[in-house]
Amino acid sequence: MQFFIRHCEAQERHGNPSRWHQFRDGLGIVIALVLLTLPAHAQAQDYPNRQVRVLEPLAAASAVDVVTRLIADRVGHDLGAAFFVDNQPGASGLLGMRAGAKAAPDGYTILAVNDAIVTVLPNMRTDAGYDPRKDFAPISLLAKLRWVLIAHSSLPVNNVQEFIAYAKANPGKVDFGTGGQGSPQHIAMELFMRQAGIQLTHVPFRGVTQAYTDLVSGHVPVMFIALPAPLAMAADGKVKILGFAESSRLPALPDVPTIAEQGMPGFEFSSFAAWMAPAGTPRPIIDKLNAAIKRAVADPEVNKRLIDYGDLPVASTPEELAAVIAQDYVAKGELLKAANIHAD
């Protein structure tokens, strides 16, 4: 090395280009880059050293909430800090997402979301106040959520074909509940109505939990909902599961036929639960959270509980989640336009 330096200095004295000068400048750039990354790595090594807020722009007891609380408990135990879930429903999730976009990007506020919040609402509203592709850093998928079409026990139907016939005999007189305009429940029913050729009346609520409570009480006769919410009430005979919204039957519900096999070929609907962070959150912290989520999802007990809920456990890299969001954002925009679904 010393010989190399002396050689380059001699070349400079004779007016020749100095490889040492080039080497020195390049080395300086490398050192500067390393020094810039040291604070983030040091912060990640110490992270988390206090309570972490999992901001969830959805109601408690929703499908995402059930998954998030299970994962948050296991991730917190893994990383040695409390991960507490802070439900902030309102305006179909807009309020919580806006708050999350403005949160400090230090890893102590992360967001628990579904696909509707990050891909549907921003497509529906010019005043959403956030861009899911710019204002947030993806962390990981948690699970694929499975959906069913349910009805109150008093509705005189027992399957999808009977329900379609009933709706056609009572056009516009059958209500369906949702967690709000543009919610997954709303999108699923719009897809169903278009393929079935029926018209129902939309009754939006302030969150899916309230909508489901009103269905169980008999105030709303029908809705789409993600598992596991209706399982207990269906077992007690208070609600009916008319059909499963995927291409094949769910092993946990082998007697429930798919909607597709009940005269609606190709009908499918599902959603996802995921964690994100405010944009600018250091990548070492994102990676630490991602690794903890993957360990949680792979844990046999957690994995079994998710499957028992009716969910499909699935973790991802941040890049894979970003790709899912980008693709879904375009697809949902086209769907909203075709279905003429607006914010008002």
Protein backbone atom coordinates (compact mmCIF):
# COMPACT_ATOMS: atom_id res chain seq x y z
CA MET A 1 0.00 0.00 0.00
CA GLN A 2 2.78 2.48 0.92
CA PHE A 3 4.58 1.61 -2.33
CA PHE A 4 1.39 2.31 -4.24
CA ILE A 5 0.99 5.72 -2.56
CA ARG A 6 4.65 6.69 -3.22
CA HIS A 7 4.33 5.58 -6.82
CA CYS A 8 1.21 7.69 -7.36
CA GLU A 9 2.81 10.74 -5.70
CA ALA A 10 5.81 10.38 -8.03
CA GLN A 11 3.47 10.24 -11.01
CA GLU A 12 1.82 13.48 -9.84
CA ARG A 13 5.22 15.24 -9.59
CA HIS A 14 5.87 14.33 -13.21
CA GLY A 15 2.47 15.70 -14.26
CA ASN A 16 0.82 12.32 -14.74
CA PRO A 17 -2.75 11.59 -13.52
CA SER A 18 -2.70 10.43 -9.94
CA ARG A 19 -4.39 7.14 -9.26
CA TRP A 20 -3.80 7.85 -5.57
CA HIS A 21 -5.81 11.04 -5.85
CA GLN A 22 -8.64 9.13 -7.49
CA PHE A 23 -8.34 6.36 -4.94
CA ARG A 24 -8.29 8.86 -2.06
CA ASP A 25 -11.40 10.67 -3.29
CA GLY A 26 -13.24 7.39 -3.81
CA LEU A 27 -12.23 6.18 -0.38
CA GLY A 28 -13.51 9.42 1.10
CA ILE A 29 -16.91 8.89 -0.50
CA VAL A 30 -17.10 5.31 0.81
CA ILE A 31 -16.17 6.42 4.33
CA ALA A 32 -18.78 9.19 4.22
CA LEU A 33 -21.47 6.72 3.16
CA VAL A 34 -20.50 4.32 5.91
CA LEU A 35 -20.62 7.11 8.49
CA LEU A 36 -24.07 8.14 7.29
CA THR A 37 -25.41 4.63 7.84
CA LEU A 38 -23.90 4.18 11.29
CA PRO A 39 -26.63 6.11 13.16
CA ALA A 40 -29.39 4.04 11.52
CA HIS A 41 -27.62 0.77 12.33
CA ALA A 42 -26.98 1.89 15.90
CA GLN A 43 -30.63 2.90 16.22
CA ALA A 44 -31.76 -0.47 14.87
CA GLN A 45 -29.51 -2.36 17.32
CA ASP A 46 -31.18 -0.52 20.21
CA TYR A 47 -34.67 -0.82 18.72
CA PRO A 48 -37.14 -1.14 20.31
CA ASN A 49 -36.26 0.29 23.72
CA ARG A 50 -39.78 1.47 24.53
CA GLN A 51 -43.40 0.80 23.69
CA VAL A 52 -44.37 0.61 20.02
CA ARG A 53 -47.76 1.85 18.82
CA VAL A 54 -49.47 -0.20 16.15
CA LEU A 55 -51.86 2.35 14.66
CA GLU A 56 -54.82 0.59 13.11
CA PRO A 57 -57.28 2.73 11.12
CA LEU A 58 -59.93 0.03 11.58
CA ALA A 59 -62.39 -0.97 14.25
CA ALA A 60 -61.55 -3.41 17.02
CA ALA A 61 -62.59 -7.02 16.34
CA SER A 62 -62.28 -6.57 12.57
CA ALA A 63 -60.47 -9.30 10.62
CA VAL A 64 -57.29 -7.21 10.41
CA ASP A 65 -57.54 -6.42 14.11
CA VAL A 66 -57.71 -10.10 15.05
CA VAL A 67 -54.61 -10.88 12.98
CA THR A 68 -52.74 -7.76 14.12
CA ARG A 69 -53.22 -8.43 17.82
CA LEU A 70 -51.95 -11.97 17.45
CA ILE A 71 -48.86 -10.86 15.51
CA ALA A 72 -48.24 -7.80 17.71
CA ASP A 73 -48.19 -9.94 20.83
CA ARG A 74 -45.69 -12.38 19.34
CA VAL A 75 -43.47 -9.69 17.76
CA GLY A 76 -43.42 -7.74 21.02
CA HIS A 77 -42.39 -10.83 22.95
CA ASP A 78 -39.70 -11.55 20.35
CA LEU A 79 -38.23 -8.03 20.37
CA GLY A 80 -38.63 -7.43 24.10
CA ALA A 81 -41.04 -4.49 23.99
CA ALA A 82 -44.80 -3.97 24.18
CA PHE A 83 -46.56 -3.53 20.82
CA PHE A 84 -49.94 -2.03 21.68
CA VAL A 85 -52.73 -1.77 19.11
CA ASP A 86 -54.32 1.68 18.83
CA ASN A 87 -57.62 1.46 16.90
CA GLN A 88 -58.52 4.73 15.16
CA PRO A 89 -61.48 4.01 12.87
CA GLY A 90 -63.25 6.84 11.11
CA ALA A 91 -63.97 7.99 7.56
CA SER A 92 -63.39 4.41 6.35
CA GLY A 93 -59.80 4.56 7.64
CA LEU A 94 -58.76 7.97 6.28
CA LEU A 95 -58.25 9.53 9.72
CA GLY A 96 -55.87 6.84 10.93
CA MET A 97 -53.92 6.77 7.66
CA ARG A 98 -53.45 10.53 7.71
CA ALA A 99 -52.20 10.35 11.28
CA GLY A 100 -49.84 7.52 10.36
CA ALA A 101 -48.41 9.40 7.39
CA LYS A 102 -47.49 12.28 9.70
CA ALA A 103 -46.03 10.12 12.49
CA ALA A 104 -42.33 10.23 13.28
CA PRO A 105 -40.41 7.75 11.09
CA ASP A 106 -38.58 6.17 14.01
CA GLY A 107 -40.18 2.73 14.18
CA TYR A 108 -42.31 3.57 17.21
CA THR A 109 -45.46 4.06 15.14
CA ILE A 110 -46.34 1.39 12.60
CA LEU A 111 -49.61 0.86 10.78
CA ALA A 112 -51.82 -2.20 10.49
CA VAL A 113 -53.76 -2.00 7.23
CA ASN A 114 -55.89 -3.88 4.78
CA ASP A 115 -55.81 -3.52 1.02
CA ALA A 116 -58.86 -1.23 0.88
CA ILE A 117 -57.20 1.44 3.00
CA VAL A 118 -54.05 1.52 0.89
CA THR A 119 -55.49 0.95 -2.59
CA VAL A 120 -59.23 1.77 -2.68
CA LEU A 121 -59.65 4.94 -0.62
CA PRO A 122 -56.82 6.90 -2.30
CA ASN A 123 -58.39 6.01 -5.66
CA MET A 124 -61.80 7.20 -4.53
CA ARG A 125 -60.83 10.51 -2.96
CA THR A 126 -58.66 13.34 -4.19
CA ASP A 127 -58.62 14.59 -0.58
CA ALA A 128 -57.35 11.33 0.90
CA GLY A 129 -54.36 13.15 2.33
CA TYR A 130 -51.87 10.35 1.70
CA ASP A 131 -50.28 8.43 -1.12
CA PRO A 132 -49.78 4.77 -0.14
CA ARG A 133 -46.86 4.42 -2.57
CA LYS A 134 -44.93 7.45 -1.28
CA ASP A 135 -45.96 8.18 2.31
CA PHE A 136 -45.36 4.74 3.79
CA ALA A 137 -42.59 2.16 3.95
CA PRO A 138 -43.87 -1.42 3.47
CA ILE A 139 -42.83 -3.89 6.18
CA SER A 140 -44.58 -7.20 5.49
CA LEU A 141 -47.79 -8.97 4.66
CA LEU A 142 -49.32 -10.84 7.62
CA ALA A 143 -52.10 -12.93 6.12
CA LYS A 144 -54.53 -13.36 3.30
CA LEU A 145 -58.06 -12.84 4.61
CA ARG A 146 -60.85 -15.15 3.46
CA TRP A 147 -64.38 -13.85 2.88
CA VAL A 148 -67.92 -15.19 3.12
CA LEU A 149 -71.39 -13.95 2.21
CA ILE A 150 -73.59 -14.07 5.31
CA ALA A 151 -77.25 -13.41 6.10
CA HIS A 152 -79.30 -12.95 9.25
CA SER A 153 -81.11 -16.10 10.30
CA SER A 154 -84.50 -14.49 9.59
CA LEU A 155 -83.77 -13.99 5.88
CA PRO A 156 -85.71 -16.74 4.02
CA VAL A 157 -82.73 -18.01 2.04
CA ASN A 158 -80.16 -20.73 2.67
CA ASN A 159 -77.75 -20.44 -0.23
CA VAL A 160 -76.53 -18.07 -2.90
CA GLN A 161 -79.03 -19.10 -5.57
CA GLU A 162 -81.96 -18.60 -3.20
CA PHE A 163 -80.58 -15.22 -2.17
CA ILE A 164 -80.22 -14.05 -5.77
CA ALA A 165 -83.81 -15.14 -6.51
CA TYR A 166 -85.03 -13.33 -3.37
CA ALA A 167 -83.16 -10.13 -4.32
CA LYS A 168 -84.58 -10.22 -7.86
CA ALA A 169 -88.07 -10.60 -6.44
CA ASN A 170 -87.45 -7.60 -4.16
CA PRO A 171 -85.37 -5.18 -6.25
CA GLY A 172 -83.79 -2.41 -4.18
CA LYS A 173 -85.58 -3.53 -1.02
CA VAL A 174 -82.79 -5.67 0.46
CA ASP A 175 -80.13 -3.78 2.44
CA PHE A 176 -76.51 -4.79 2.78
CA GLY A 177 -74.16 -3.52 5.47
CA THR A 178 -70.54 -2.43 5.08
CA GLY A 179 -67.77 -0.77 7.03
CA GLY A 180 -68.15 2.33 4.87
CA GLN A 181 -68.04 3.63 1.32
CA GLY A 182 -65.22 1.88 -0.52
CA SER A 183 -64.61 -0.64 2.27
CA PRO A 184 -63.80 -4.26 1.34
CA GLN A 185 -67.37 -5.22 2.26
CA HIS A 186 -68.65 -2.63 -0.20
CA ILE A 187 -66.31 -3.69 -3.02
CA ALA A 188 -67.15 -7.38 -2.55
CA MET A 189 -70.89 -6.75 -2.73
CA GLU A 190 -70.55 -4.47 -5.76
CA LEU A 191 -68.72 -7.27 -7.56
CA PHE A 192 -71.38 -9.75 -6.47
CA MET A 193 -74.29 -7.56 -7.57
CA ARG A 194 -72.75 -6.94 -10.99
CA GLN A 195 -72.24 -10.65 -11.68
CA ALA A 196 -75.57 -11.74 -10.17
CA GLY A 197 -77.57 -9.02 -11.91
CA ILE A 198 -79.25 -7.78 -8.74
CA GLN A 199 -79.63 -4.42 -7.00
CA LEU A 200 -79.34 -4.06 -3.22
CA THR A 201 -79.34 -0.95 -1.03
CA HIS A 202 -76.03 0.04 0.55
CA VAL A 203 -76.02 0.84 4.28
CA PRO A 204 -72.55 2.08 5.26
CA PHE A 205 -71.48 2.01 8.91
CA ARG A 206 -68.59 3.52 10.84
CA GLY A 207 -66.54 0.35 10.68
CA VAL A 208 -67.23 -3.30 9.93
CA THR A 209 -67.76 -4.21 13.59
CA GLN A 210 -70.79 -1.95 13.83
CA ALA A 211 -72.15 -3.29 10.55
CA TYR A 212 -71.76 -6.88 11.72
CA THR A 213 -73.38 -6.10 15.08
CA ASP A 214 -76.41 -4.71 13.27
CA LEU A 215 -76.59 -7.80 11.07
CA VAL A 216 -76.52 -10.10 14.08
CA SER A 217 -79.28 -7.94 15.62
CA GLY A 218 -81.38 -8.31 12.49
CA HIS A 219 -81.27 -4.65 11.40
CA VAL A 220 -79.30 -5.47 8.23
CA PRO A 221 -80.06 -8.76 6.46
CA VAL A 222 -76.91 -9.47 4.48
CA MET A 223 -73.24 -8.56 4.03
CA PHE A 224 -69.83 -9.80 2.98
CA ILE A 225 -67.35 -10.21 5.82
CA ALA A 226 -63.92 -11.66 6.40
CA LEU A 227 -63.41 -14.62 8.70
CA PRO A 228 -63.33 -15.36 11.59
CA ALA A 229 -66.08 -12.93 12.73
CA PRO A 230 -69.17 -14.98 11.73
CA LEU A 231 -67.97 -18.43 12.76
CA ALA A 232 -69.30 -18.42 16.33
CA MET A 233 -72.65 -16.85 15.40
CA ALA A 234 -73.07 -19.28 12.51
CA ALA A 235 -72.47 -22.17 14.91
CA ASP A 236 -75.20 -20.78 17.17
CA GLY A 237 -77.61 -20.39 14.25
CA LYS A 238 -77.83 -16.60 14.49
CA VAL A 239 -76.34 -16.02 11.05
CA LYS A 240 -76.17 -18.11 7.89
CA ILE A 241 -73.03 -18.48 5.79
CA LEU A 242 -74.38 -18.57 2.25
CA GLY A 243 -71.13 -19.02 0.38
CA PHE A 244 -67.35 -18.88 0.48
CA ALA A 245 -65.74 -16.24 -1.76
CA GLU A 246 -62.80 -18.25 -3.12
CA SER A 247 -62.27 -20.80 -5.86
CA SER A 248 -62.17 -23.81 -3.55
CA ARG A 249 -63.82 -24.70 -0.26
CA LEU A 250 -62.15 -23.88 3.02
CA PRO A 251 -60.99 -26.99 4.91
CA ALA A 252 -62.28 -25.44 8.15
CA LEU A 253 -65.75 -25.09 6.55
CA PRO A 254 -66.03 -28.12 4.27
CA ASP A 255 -69.84 -27.97 4.14
CA VAL A 256 -69.95 -24.36 2.93
CA PRO A 257 -69.95 -24.29 -0.88
CA THR A 258 -68.10 -21.58 -2.76
CA ILE A 259 -70.07 -18.80 -4.41
CA ALA A 260 -68.52 -19.87 -7.71
CA GLU A 261 -69.98 -23.36 -7.51
CA GLN A 262 -73.44 -21.92 -6.77
CA GLY A 263 -74.04 -20.50 -10.22
CA MET A 264 -71.46 -17.69 -10.24
CA PRO A 265 -68.41 -19.19 -11.97
CA GLY A 266 -65.17 -17.34 -11.41
CA PHE A 267 -66.39 -15.26 -8.49
CA GLU A 268 -63.58 -14.63 -5.99
CA PHE A 269 -62.83 -12.02 -3.38
CA SER A 270 -60.13 -11.82 -0.75
CA SER A 271 -58.04 -9.16 0.96
CA PHE A 272 -54.82 -8.91 2.93
CA ALA A 273 -53.56 -7.70 6.28
CA ALA A 274 -50.18 -5.98 6.35
CA TRP A 275 -47.90 -3.71 8.38
CA MET A 276 -46.36 -0.50 7.11
CA ALA A 277 -44.38 2.37 8.61
CA PRO A 278 -44.16 6.09 7.88
CA ALA A 279 -41.89 6.88 4.94
CA GLY A 280 -38.35 7.55 6.02
CA THR A 281 -38.27 4.88 8.72
CA PRO A 282 -34.66 3.56 8.69
CA ARG A 283 -34.28 0.40 6.64
CA PRO A 284 -32.48 -1.48 9.44
CA ILE A 285 -35.58 -1.00 11.61
CA ILE A 286 -37.85 -2.13 8.76
CA ASP A 287 -35.67 -5.23 8.35
CA LYS A 288 -35.76 -5.96 12.06
CA LEU A 289 -39.54 -5.76 12.13
CA ASN A 290 -39.80 -7.82 8.95
CA ALA A 291 -37.65 -10.60 10.42
CA ALA A 292 -39.74 -10.63 13.61
CA ILE A 293 -42.98 -10.84 11.62
CA LYS A 294 -41.64 -13.75 9.58
CA ARG A 295 -40.70 -15.58 12.78
CA ALA A 296 -44.16 -14.88 14.21
CA VAL A 297 -46.03 -16.12 11.13
CA ALA A 298 -43.84 -19.24 10.99
CA ASP A 299 -44.37 -20.03 14.66
CA PRO A 300 -46.48 -23.25 14.80
CA GLU A 301 -48.92 -21.89 17.39
CA VAL A 302 -49.47 -18.59 15.59
CA ASN A 303 -49.70 -20.33 12.23
CA LYS A 304 -52.35 -22.73 13.52
CA ARG A 305 -54.41 -19.95 15.07
CA LEU A 306 -54.41 -17.97 11.84
CA ILE A 307 -55.55 -21.02 9.91
CA ASP A 308 -58.24 -21.71 12.52
CA TYR A 309 -59.45 -18.14 12.00
CA GLY A 310 -59.84 -18.97 8.32
CA ASP A 311 -56.84 -16.90 7.23
CA LEU A 312 -53.87 -17.90 5.09
CA PRO A 313 -50.65 -17.02 6.95
CA VAL A 314 -48.24 -15.26 4.59
CA ALA A 315 -45.28 -13.01 5.33
CA SER A 316 -43.32 -11.16 2.65
CA THR A 317 -40.33 -8.95 2.01
CA PRO A 318 -40.92 -5.18 1.99
CA GLU A 319 -40.35 -5.21 -1.76
CA GLU A 320 -42.96 -7.93 -2.30
CA LEU A 321 -45.53 -5.95 -0.30
CA ALA A 322 -44.68 -2.81 -2.29
CA ALA A 323 -45.29 -4.73 -5.53
CA VAL A 324 -48.64 -6.05 -4.26
CA ILE A 325 -49.74 -2.54 -3.32
CA ALA A 326 -48.64 -1.05 -6.64
CA GLN A 327 -50.45 -3.74 -8.64
CA ASP A 328 -53.59 -3.64 -6.48
CA TYR A 329 -53.69 0.16 -6.62
CA VAL A 330 -54.04 0.08 -10.40
CA ALA A 331 -56.51 -2.84 -10.39
CA LYS A 332 -58.77 -1.28 -7.75
CA GLY A 333 -58.74 2.04 -9.60
CA GLU A 334 -60.02 0.31 -12.72
CA LEU A 335 -62.62 -1.58 -10.69
CA LEU A 336 -63.95 1.56 -9.01
CA LYS A 337 -64.25 3.31 -12.35
CA ALA A 338 -66.06 0.36 -13.95
CA ALA A 339 -68.43 0.01 -10.97
CA ASN A 340 -68.97 3.80 -10.79
CA ILE A 341 -68.14 3.85 -7.08
CA HIS A 342 -67.50 7.33 -5.74
CA ALA A 343 -66.61 8.81 -2.37
CA ASP A 344 -70.02 10.40 -1.91
